[in-house]
Amino acid sequence: MGSPLEEKLRKRIEPALYKGRVIPQARKAQENAVRAIRARGHASVVFIASSLPMWRAQKLFALLRADARFDVHLALYPFASFQQAQKQKAMAELVEYCNANDLPYIDLSGEQQPGATLKRQLHPDILFYPQPYNFLFGNDLDATFFPESLICYIPYSIRTSTGEWVYRTHLNEIAWRLYYASDLHRKEAERILYNKGRNIRVTGDLMMDILREPAATDVWKPQDRPKKRIIWAPHYSIATNGPLHRNSFTWLSTSIARLAREYEDRLQFAFKPHPRLLTELYAHPLWGKEKADAYYRCWAQGANTQLVTGSYVDLFKTSDAMIHDSGSFSIEYHFTGKPVMFTTHDLDASLAGQNELGQEGILAHYLGQSEEDIVSFLENVVLGGFDFRKDVRATFLNTYLPASGNGTVAEAIYRDILEGLGFDAR
């Protein structure tokens, strides 16, 4: 955000620039790319992956890979916002995942010009990005540098925030396809995007498929007796101001750790922080690297506690309940059907800046505005089994994110790609 004068000039110049030149050029390039792919009957598809917890396109990847008309790879490269240690960890997790699942990939993390390397090695015709934001990687891997590719984006979470900053990005304006979770998201984007949302397809969210399937593995620490399993997933916005207005970690970090010890005989806790929380704690005047590392280490080493920084899919599936203040989790965890609590000291502030989906998703939770609320949730809902908001959660899903009667979300995206390229369904 520049000065008031710069912002005024931007609002005058940017719409004309996008409508008159950028978007028409992108559409022309897309038409040429589709014709070329259709003519040769084959396309190179690349998914850029930067964080394993954000990777949710495995089923779509498998569908495309099983189709001989597509050559499919992952390209691994960390977000520019990650600190060096986080970049290394993210890449190690992704490499391990790809190797374990026999997924073809290239690791671009050591490249000075990753975009050039990607073009040279894989020549992507279709390129999926992990996030839509400007300057995502800060180099020649951003969407700006691939005008010859068909840019696609599947949101890494079900968007609950609203406003220009959510939708008005260069990638969203010039992408070939944006695959959105609901008609509500499409209507919001149509009001904001210069392209009027013509590149949007409503398919549902891939996590709808994933979380309704059985768990692949039990990711919880073995215990000496059966215990209820609770996830605590704090958001990274630990400041007391800003657009997200979530700072539950600052007043719960000590309490939740203490409750984990007090309930050691009956409950098991998993600490699932937002990937960016550690970065924020390192920079926080009351925390810093040493204190933050020690806190994370305590969770990892406790008898009935564990630290989870990678994929959360099987963690969700094998849990009994969750406590959190995350926007995306306030929707996704509802797919499990299990009880969930949203923590906040200021409900109005938490709801502000949320779209209708985000607001109703939070209101379908149990609300934790004090430690007493959390204890009541643990005692009565989790341990006591009195889940009196179960029907409220089900009604929310049926209203805003009903299950499709025409196959999976991955299949819907796959069919749209085939149709967009003029390929016959098989």
Protein backbone atom coordinates (compact mmCIF):
# COMPACT_ATOMS: atom_id res chain seq x y z
CA MET A 1 0.00 0.00 0.00
CA GLY A 2 1.51 3.32 -1.08
CA SER A 3 0.72 6.90 -0.16
CA PRO A 4 -2.88 8.20 -0.49
CA LEU A 5 -1.94 9.85 -3.79
CA GLU A 6 -0.33 6.67 -5.12
CA GLU A 7 -3.36 4.64 -4.09
CA LYS A 8 -5.68 7.14 -5.81
CA LEU A 9 -3.65 6.92 -9.01
CA ARG A 10 -3.60 3.13 -8.82
CA LYS A 11 -7.38 2.97 -8.56
CA ARG A 12 -7.67 5.14 -11.66
CA ILE A 13 -5.02 3.47 -13.81
CA GLU A 14 -5.16 -0.20 -12.78
CA PRO A 15 -8.73 -0.99 -13.94
CA ALA A 16 -8.12 0.42 -17.41
CA LEU A 17 -4.77 -1.38 -17.64
CA TYR A 18 -6.22 -4.77 -16.76
CA LYS A 19 -9.44 -4.44 -18.77
CA GLY A 20 -7.82 -2.90 -21.81
CA ARG A 21 -4.56 -4.80 -22.05
CA VAL A 22 -3.60 -7.39 -19.42
CA ILE A 23 -6.77 -9.51 -19.45
CA PRO A 24 -7.26 -9.46 -23.27
CA GLN A 25 -3.61 -10.45 -23.75
CA ALA A 26 -3.99 -13.30 -21.26
CA ARG A 27 -7.11 -14.60 -22.99
CA LYS A 28 -5.41 -14.50 -26.40
CA ALA A 29 -2.44 -16.40 -25.02
CA GLN A 30 -4.77 -18.97 -23.46
CA GLU A 31 -6.59 -19.50 -26.74
CA ASN A 32 -3.26 -20.10 -28.47
CA ALA A 33 -2.13 -22.49 -25.74
CA VAL A 34 -5.35 -24.50 -25.89
CA ARG A 35 -5.12 -24.79 -29.69
CA ALA A 36 -1.54 -26.01 -29.45
CA ILE A 37 -2.39 -28.60 -26.78
CA ARG A 38 -5.43 -29.78 -28.71
CA ALA A 39 -3.40 -30.14 -31.89
CA ARG A 40 -0.78 -32.39 -30.34
CA GLY A 41 -3.21 -34.15 -27.98
CA HIS A 42 -0.88 -33.92 -25.01
CA ALA A 43 -0.08 -31.49 -22.19
CA SER A 44 2.57 -31.08 -19.51
CA VAL A 45 0.94 -30.34 -16.15
CA VAL A 46 2.92 -29.00 -13.19
CA PHE A 47 1.75 -28.39 -9.64
CA ILE A 48 3.99 -26.01 -7.68
CA ALA A 49 4.12 -27.16 -4.05
CA SER A 50 5.60 -25.05 -1.26
CA SER A 51 4.16 -26.54 1.93
CA LEU A 52 2.94 -30.07 2.59
CA PRO A 53 0.01 -28.95 4.81
CA MET A 54 -1.27 -26.91 1.85
CA TRP A 55 -1.06 -29.80 -0.62
CA ARG A 56 -4.53 -31.17 -1.28
CA ALA A 57 -4.51 -32.01 -4.98
CA GLN A 58 -3.34 -35.61 -4.70
CA LYS A 59 -6.52 -37.12 -6.15
CA LEU A 60 -6.57 -34.67 -9.05
CA PHE A 61 -2.88 -35.36 -9.61
CA ALA A 62 -3.66 -39.11 -9.75
CA LEU A 63 -6.53 -38.64 -12.22
CA LEU A 64 -4.36 -36.59 -14.57
CA ARG A 65 -1.42 -38.95 -14.21
CA ALA A 66 -3.61 -41.94 -15.14
CA ASP A 67 -4.56 -40.18 -18.39
CA ALA A 68 -1.89 -40.76 -21.05
CA ARG A 69 -2.61 -37.33 -22.53
CA PHE A 70 -1.01 -35.65 -19.52
CA ASP A 71 2.56 -35.65 -18.25
CA VAL A 72 2.26 -34.62 -14.57
CA HIS A 73 4.90 -33.44 -12.09
CA LEU A 74 5.28 -31.51 -8.87
CA ALA A 75 7.74 -28.63 -8.71
CA LEU A 76 8.94 -28.03 -5.15
CA TYR A 77 9.89 -24.52 -4.07
CA PRO A 78 9.39 -22.74 -0.71
CA PHE A 79 7.47 -19.51 -0.15
CA ALA A 80 9.58 -16.36 -0.04
CA SER A 81 8.06 -15.45 3.35
CA PHE A 82 9.50 -18.56 5.03
CA GLN A 83 12.69 -18.21 7.07
CA GLN A 84 15.60 -20.38 6.00
CA ALA A 85 14.98 -23.12 8.56
CA GLN A 86 11.32 -23.28 7.56
CA LYS A 87 12.24 -23.47 3.88
CA GLN A 88 14.52 -26.42 4.55
CA LYS A 89 11.92 -28.19 6.65
CA ALA A 90 9.14 -27.59 4.13
CA MET A 91 11.26 -28.99 1.31
CA ALA A 92 12.31 -32.03 3.36
CA GLU A 93 8.65 -32.83 4.14
CA LEU A 94 7.64 -32.47 0.50
CA VAL A 95 10.51 -34.60 -0.79
CA GLU A 96 9.72 -37.31 1.75
CA TYR A 97 6.04 -37.23 0.76
CA CYS A 98 6.80 -37.44 -2.97
CA ASN A 99 9.21 -40.33 -2.49
CA ALA A 100 6.82 -42.21 -0.22
CA ASN A 101 3.97 -41.85 -2.72
CA ASP A 102 6.03 -42.39 -5.89
CA LEU A 103 5.24 -38.93 -7.24
CA PRO A 104 7.41 -37.48 -10.02
CA TYR A 105 8.88 -34.14 -8.96
CA ILE A 106 11.71 -31.68 -9.39
CA ASP A 107 13.24 -29.82 -6.46
CA LEU A 108 13.77 -26.18 -7.43
CA SER A 109 14.70 -24.97 -3.94
CA GLY A 110 18.40 -24.66 -4.75
CA GLU A 111 17.93 -22.87 -8.07
CA GLN A 112 18.82 -19.21 -8.54
CA GLN A 113 16.33 -19.03 -11.43
CA PRO A 114 13.72 -21.68 -10.59
CA GLY A 115 11.31 -20.47 -13.25
CA ALA A 116 13.87 -20.84 -16.01
CA THR A 117 14.76 -24.31 -14.75
CA LEU A 118 11.10 -25.30 -14.66
CA LYS A 119 10.56 -24.14 -18.23
CA ARG A 120 13.69 -25.90 -19.46
CA GLN A 121 12.97 -29.23 -17.76
CA LEU A 122 9.19 -29.61 -17.86
CA HIS A 123 7.83 -27.03 -20.34
CA PRO A 124 4.55 -26.59 -18.39
CA ASP A 125 1.44 -26.18 -20.50
CA ILE A 126 -0.77 -26.12 -17.41
CA LEU A 127 0.65 -24.69 -14.19
CA PHE A 128 -1.10 -24.91 -10.81
CA TYR A 129 -0.07 -22.41 -8.13
CA PRO A 130 -0.32 -23.01 -4.35
CA GLN A 131 -1.43 -19.44 -3.55
CA PRO A 132 -2.73 -16.53 -5.67
CA TYR A 133 -0.83 -13.65 -4.09
CA ASN A 134 1.47 -11.22 -5.87
CA PHE A 135 5.22 -11.76 -5.46
CA LEU A 136 4.60 -15.20 -3.98
CA PHE A 137 8.11 -16.39 -4.65
CA GLY A 138 9.82 -13.10 -5.41
CA ASN A 139 11.58 -14.30 -8.54
CA ASP A 140 10.99 -15.76 -11.99
CA LEU A 141 8.67 -18.46 -10.63
CA ASP A 142 5.73 -16.10 -10.17
CA ALA A 143 2.79 -16.35 -12.60
CA THR A 144 3.89 -13.16 -14.39
CA PHE A 145 6.77 -15.11 -15.94
CA PHE A 146 4.60 -17.84 -17.51
CA PRO A 147 2.36 -16.05 -20.04
CA GLU A 148 2.54 -19.07 -22.34
CA SER A 149 1.16 -21.46 -19.70
CA LEU A 150 -2.46 -22.03 -18.69
CA ILE A 151 -2.40 -20.82 -15.09
CA CYS A 152 -4.72 -22.62 -12.66
CA TYR A 153 -5.43 -22.13 -8.99
CA ILE A 154 -7.22 -24.29 -6.44
CA PRO A 155 -7.46 -22.39 -3.12
CA TYR A 156 -5.24 -23.87 -0.42
CA SER A 157 -8.09 -23.40 2.05
CA ILE A 158 -11.79 -22.60 1.94
CA ARG A 159 -11.72 -18.82 1.87
CA THR A 160 -13.58 -17.22 4.76
CA SER A 161 -12.16 -13.70 4.55
CA THR A 162 -13.63 -11.15 2.19
CA GLY A 163 -12.48 -7.95 0.51
CA GLU A 164 -10.36 -6.83 -2.41
CA TRP A 165 -7.15 -8.25 -0.96
CA VAL A 166 -8.64 -11.75 -1.12
CA TYR A 167 -9.43 -11.75 -4.83
CA ARG A 168 -7.74 -8.89 -6.65
CA THR A 169 -4.36 -10.36 -7.48
CA HIS A 170 -2.59 -10.57 -10.80
CA LEU A 171 -2.84 -14.36 -10.87
CA ASN A 172 -6.59 -14.32 -10.25
CA GLU A 173 -7.08 -11.83 -13.07
CA ILE A 174 -5.04 -13.67 -15.71
CA ALA A 175 -5.55 -17.33 -14.71
CA TRP A 176 -7.13 -19.76 -17.14
CA ARG A 177 -9.09 -21.47 -14.36
CA LEU A 178 -9.92 -20.66 -10.72
CA TYR A 179 -11.59 -23.62 -9.01
CA TYR A 180 -13.72 -22.32 -6.13
CA ALA A 181 -15.52 -24.08 -3.32
CA SER A 182 -18.94 -22.48 -3.52
CA ASP A 183 -21.22 -20.17 -5.45
CA LEU A 184 -20.82 -17.65 -2.61
CA HIS A 185 -17.11 -17.35 -3.45
CA ARG A 186 -17.87 -16.97 -7.14
CA LYS A 187 -20.33 -14.13 -6.52
CA GLU A 188 -17.85 -12.32 -4.26
CA ALA A 189 -15.11 -12.61 -6.87
CA GLU A 190 -17.39 -11.43 -9.69
CA ARG A 191 -17.98 -8.17 -7.81
CA ILE A 192 -14.26 -7.57 -7.26
CA LEU A 193 -12.26 -8.98 -10.16
CA TYR A 194 -11.74 -6.86 -13.27
CA ASN A 195 -12.37 -9.99 -15.34
CA LYS A 196 -15.81 -10.39 -13.68
CA GLY A 197 -14.98 -13.94 -12.65
CA ARG A 198 -15.16 -15.40 -16.14
CA ASN A 199 -12.35 -17.83 -15.30
CA ILE A 200 -14.11 -19.25 -12.20
CA ARG A 201 -15.52 -22.75 -12.01
CA VAL A 202 -17.44 -23.83 -8.88
CA THR A 203 -16.44 -27.41 -8.12
CA GLY A 204 -16.43 -27.65 -4.33
CA ASP A 205 -13.23 -27.90 -2.31
CA LEU A 206 -10.82 -30.82 -2.56
CA MET A 207 -10.76 -31.15 1.22
CA MET A 208 -14.43 -32.14 1.04
CA ASP A 209 -13.29 -35.35 -0.67
CA ILE A 210 -10.28 -35.93 1.54
CA LEU A 211 -11.84 -35.55 4.98
CA ARG A 212 -14.79 -37.79 4.20
CA GLU A 213 -12.53 -40.78 3.56
CA PRO A 214 -11.04 -43.13 6.19
CA ALA A 215 -7.65 -42.25 7.67
CA ALA A 216 -4.60 -43.84 6.08
CA THR A 217 -2.63 -43.98 9.34
CA ASP A 218 -3.06 -43.30 13.04
CA VAL A 219 -0.70 -40.39 13.63
CA TRP A 220 -1.15 -40.08 17.41
CA LYS A 221 1.39 -41.11 20.03
CA PRO A 222 0.70 -44.51 21.56
CA GLN A 223 -0.81 -44.26 25.06
CA ASP A 224 -1.11 -46.72 27.93
CA ARG A 225 -4.91 -46.44 27.86
CA PRO A 226 -7.62 -45.12 25.50
CA LYS A 227 -7.89 -41.32 25.62
CA LYS A 228 -9.93 -38.70 23.80
CA ARG A 229 -7.81 -36.84 21.27
CA ILE A 230 -7.87 -33.04 21.08
CA ILE A 231 -6.21 -30.83 18.48
CA TRP A 232 -5.17 -27.31 19.43
CA ALA A 233 -4.56 -25.27 16.26
CA PRO A 234 -3.73 -21.60 16.95
CA HIS A 235 -3.50 -19.07 14.14
CA TYR A 236 -0.36 -17.03 13.49
CA SER A 237 -1.90 -13.56 13.99
CA ILE A 238 -0.75 -13.03 17.58
CA ALA A 239 -0.83 -9.21 17.44
CA THR A 240 -3.76 -7.42 19.09
CA ASN A 241 -4.68 -5.54 15.92
CA GLY A 242 -4.73 -6.05 12.18
CA PRO A 243 -7.31 -7.42 9.73
CA LEU A 244 -7.48 -10.93 11.16
CA HIS A 245 -8.05 -9.96 14.81
CA ARG A 246 -7.02 -13.34 16.17
CA ASN A 247 -4.62 -13.53 19.07
CA SER A 248 -5.83 -16.54 21.05
CA PHE A 249 -2.32 -17.94 21.29
CA THR A 250 -1.22 -15.08 23.54
CA TRP A 251 -3.79 -15.90 26.22
CA LEU A 252 -3.99 -19.67 25.71
CA SER A 253 -0.39 -20.80 25.31
CA THR A 254 0.11 -21.31 29.04
CA SER A 255 -3.43 -22.45 29.82
CA ILE A 256 -3.66 -25.13 27.15
CA ALA A 257 -0.25 -26.54 28.08
CA ARG A 258 -1.35 -26.71 31.73
CA LEU A 259 -4.68 -28.34 30.84
CA ALA A 260 -2.82 -30.96 28.82
CA ARG A 261 -0.91 -31.90 31.96
CA GLU A 262 -3.98 -31.83 34.20
CA TYR A 263 -5.95 -34.13 31.88
CA GLU A 264 -3.02 -36.44 31.17
CA ASP A 265 -4.95 -39.54 32.28
CA ARG A 266 -7.99 -38.86 30.08
CA LEU A 267 -6.98 -36.67 27.14
CA GLN A 268 -4.32 -36.54 24.48
CA PHE A 269 -3.40 -33.21 22.86
CA ALA A 270 -1.84 -32.39 19.50
CA PHE A 271 -0.39 -28.90 18.97
CA LYS A 272 -1.02 -28.01 15.30
CA PRO A 273 0.16 -24.40 14.88
CA HIS A 274 -0.27 -22.41 11.69
CA PRO A 275 2.97 -22.81 9.67
CA ARG A 276 3.66 -19.08 10.04
CA LEU A 277 3.21 -18.94 13.83
CA LEU A 278 6.82 -19.86 14.59
CA THR A 279 8.06 -17.01 12.38
CA GLU A 280 5.80 -14.57 14.23
CA LEU A 281 6.92 -15.85 17.62
CA TYR A 282 10.58 -15.42 16.68
CA ALA A 283 9.86 -11.73 15.96
CA HIS A 284 7.58 -11.16 18.98
CA PRO A 285 9.11 -9.01 21.77
CA LEU A 286 7.78 -11.32 24.49
CA TRP A 287 8.86 -14.54 22.82
CA GLY A 288 11.88 -14.76 20.52
CA LYS A 289 13.57 -17.84 19.04
CA GLU A 290 14.79 -19.49 22.24
CA LYS A 291 11.46 -19.31 24.07
CA ALA A 292 9.44 -20.31 21.00
CA ASP A 293 11.67 -23.31 20.25
CA ALA A 294 11.46 -24.42 23.88
CA TYR A 295 7.66 -24.17 23.83
CA TYR A 296 7.37 -26.24 20.66
CA ARG A 297 9.84 -28.75 22.09
CA CYS A 298 7.73 -29.24 25.23
CA TRP A 299 4.72 -30.15 23.11
CA ALA A 300 6.77 -32.60 21.07
CA GLN A 301 8.19 -34.35 24.14
CA GLY A 302 5.17 -34.58 26.46
CA ALA A 303 3.80 -38.01 27.36
CA ASN A 304 0.29 -37.14 26.14
CA THR A 305 1.19 -34.27 23.78
CA GLN A 306 2.70 -33.99 20.33
CA LEU A 307 3.72 -31.36 17.80
CA VAL A 308 2.32 -31.61 14.27
CA THR A 309 3.75 -29.29 11.62
CA GLY A 310 3.14 -31.31 8.47
CA SER A 311 -0.03 -32.72 6.92
CA TYR A 312 -3.09 -32.51 9.14
CA VAL A 313 -5.47 -34.75 7.18
CA ASP A 314 -5.07 -37.97 9.18
CA LEU A 315 -4.74 -35.90 12.36
CA PHE A 316 -8.22 -34.49 11.72
CA LYS A 317 -9.68 -37.87 10.82
CA THR A 318 -8.37 -39.65 13.92
CA SER A 319 -9.12 -36.88 16.41
CA ASP A 320 -12.17 -36.52 18.66
CA ALA A 321 -12.40 -32.71 18.78
CA MET A 322 -10.51 -29.52 18.00
CA ILE A 323 -9.89 -26.12 19.62
CA HIS A 324 -8.66 -23.36 17.30
CA ASP A 325 -9.02 -19.82 15.94
CA SER A 326 -8.20 -20.42 12.27
CA GLY A 327 -10.35 -19.18 9.40
CA SER A 328 -9.91 -22.17 7.09
CA PHE A 329 -10.18 -24.79 9.85
CA SER A 330 -13.46 -23.21 10.94
CA ILE A 331 -14.90 -24.68 7.74
CA GLU A 332 -12.76 -27.74 7.05
CA TYR A 333 -13.09 -29.45 10.42
CA HIS A 334 -16.88 -29.46 10.03
CA PHE A 335 -16.41 -32.09 7.29
CA THR A 336 -15.35 -34.57 10.01
CA GLY A 337 -18.65 -34.12 11.86
CA LYS A 338 -16.79 -33.85 15.17
CA PRO A 339 -17.21 -31.19 17.91
CA VAL A 340 -15.06 -28.09 17.55
CA MET A 341 -14.48 -24.90 19.56
CA PHE A 342 -13.47 -21.48 18.23
CA THR A 343 -11.52 -19.40 20.75
CA THR A 344 -11.76 -15.62 20.88
CA HIS A 345 -11.84 -12.80 23.41
CA ASP A 346 -13.74 -10.64 20.92
CA LEU A 347 -16.31 -12.46 18.81
CA ASP A 348 -17.35 -9.35 16.88
CA ALA A 349 -13.73 -8.71 15.88
CA SER A 350 -13.31 -12.36 14.83
CA LEU A 351 -16.42 -12.16 12.65
CA ALA A 352 -15.43 -8.82 11.12
CA GLY A 353 -13.82 -9.18 7.70
CA GLN A 354 -15.34 -12.65 7.25
CA ASN A 355 -17.68 -13.48 4.44
CA GLU A 356 -21.06 -15.08 5.14
CA LEU A 357 -19.55 -18.55 4.95
CA GLY A 358 -16.84 -17.67 7.47
CA GLN A 359 -19.24 -16.04 9.90
CA GLU A 360 -21.73 -18.89 9.86
CA GLY A 361 -18.94 -21.45 10.07
CA ILE A 362 -17.60 -19.85 13.26
CA LEU A 363 -21.09 -19.51 14.76
CA ALA A 364 -21.65 -23.23 14.24
CA HIS A 365 -18.79 -23.86 16.72
CA TYR A 366 -18.77 -24.00 20.46
CA LEU A 367 -17.31 -20.62 21.46
CA GLY A 368 -14.38 -20.38 23.86
CA GLN A 369 -14.04 -16.89 25.30
CA SER A 370 -12.34 -17.94 28.54
CA GLU A 371 -10.45 -20.83 30.08
CA GLU A 372 -13.68 -21.82 31.86
CA ASP A 373 -15.39 -22.26 28.47
CA ILE A 374 -12.59 -24.54 27.34
CA VAL A 375 -12.78 -26.67 30.48
CA SER A 376 -16.54 -26.99 30.03
CA PHE A 377 -16.00 -28.09 26.41
CA LEU A 378 -13.48 -30.73 27.49
CA GLU A 379 -15.59 -32.02 30.38
CA ASN A 380 -19.10 -31.93 28.94
CA VAL A 381 -18.72 -32.23 25.18
CA VAL A 382 -15.53 -34.25 24.67
CA LEU A 383 -15.47 -36.45 27.76
CA GLY A 384 -19.18 -36.32 28.55
CA GLY A 385 -20.35 -36.86 24.98
CA PHE A 386 -23.01 -34.14 25.15
CA ASP A 387 -22.49 -32.69 21.66
CA PHE A 388 -25.56 -30.45 21.52
CA ARG A 389 -24.35 -28.48 18.47
CA LYS A 390 -23.99 -31.48 16.18
CA ASP A 391 -27.16 -30.68 14.24
CA VAL A 392 -26.11 -27.03 13.92
CA ARG A 393 -22.89 -28.08 12.18
CA ALA A 394 -24.72 -30.46 9.85
CA THR A 395 -27.20 -27.76 8.88
CA PHE A 396 -24.36 -25.37 8.14
CA LEU A 397 -22.71 -27.83 5.73
CA ASN A 398 -25.94 -28.73 4.00
CA THR A 399 -26.70 -25.05 3.49
CA TYR A 400 -23.34 -23.76 2.28
CA LEU A 401 -21.22 -26.74 1.15
CA PRO A 402 -23.48 -29.68 0.29
CA ALA A 403 -21.87 -32.85 -1.03
CA SER A 404 -22.00 -33.14 -4.82
CA GLY A 405 -24.17 -35.84 -6.31
CA ASN A 406 -21.98 -36.03 -9.41
CA GLY A 407 -18.73 -37.60 -8.26
CA THR A 408 -15.86 -36.12 -6.33
CA VAL A 409 -14.46 -32.58 -6.43
CA ALA A 410 -11.27 -33.89 -8.05
CA GLU A 411 -13.34 -35.53 -10.79
CA ALA A 412 -15.23 -32.28 -11.40
CA ILE A 413 -11.95 -30.37 -11.88
CA TYR A 414 -10.55 -33.12 -14.10
CA ARG A 415 -13.68 -33.06 -16.30
CA ASP A 416 -13.46 -29.27 -16.62
CA ILE A 417 -9.82 -29.45 -17.72
CA LEU A 418 -10.73 -32.00 -20.38
CA GLU A 419 -13.62 -29.87 -21.59
CA GLY A 420 -11.51 -26.70 -21.61
CA LEU A 421 -8.86 -28.42 -23.75
CA GLY A 422 -11.39 -30.04 -26.07
CA PHE A 423 -10.35 -33.54 -24.96
CA ASP A 424 -12.89 -36.36 -24.89
CA ALA A 425 -13.74 -37.82 -21.48
CA ARG A 426 -12.45 -41.34 -20.86
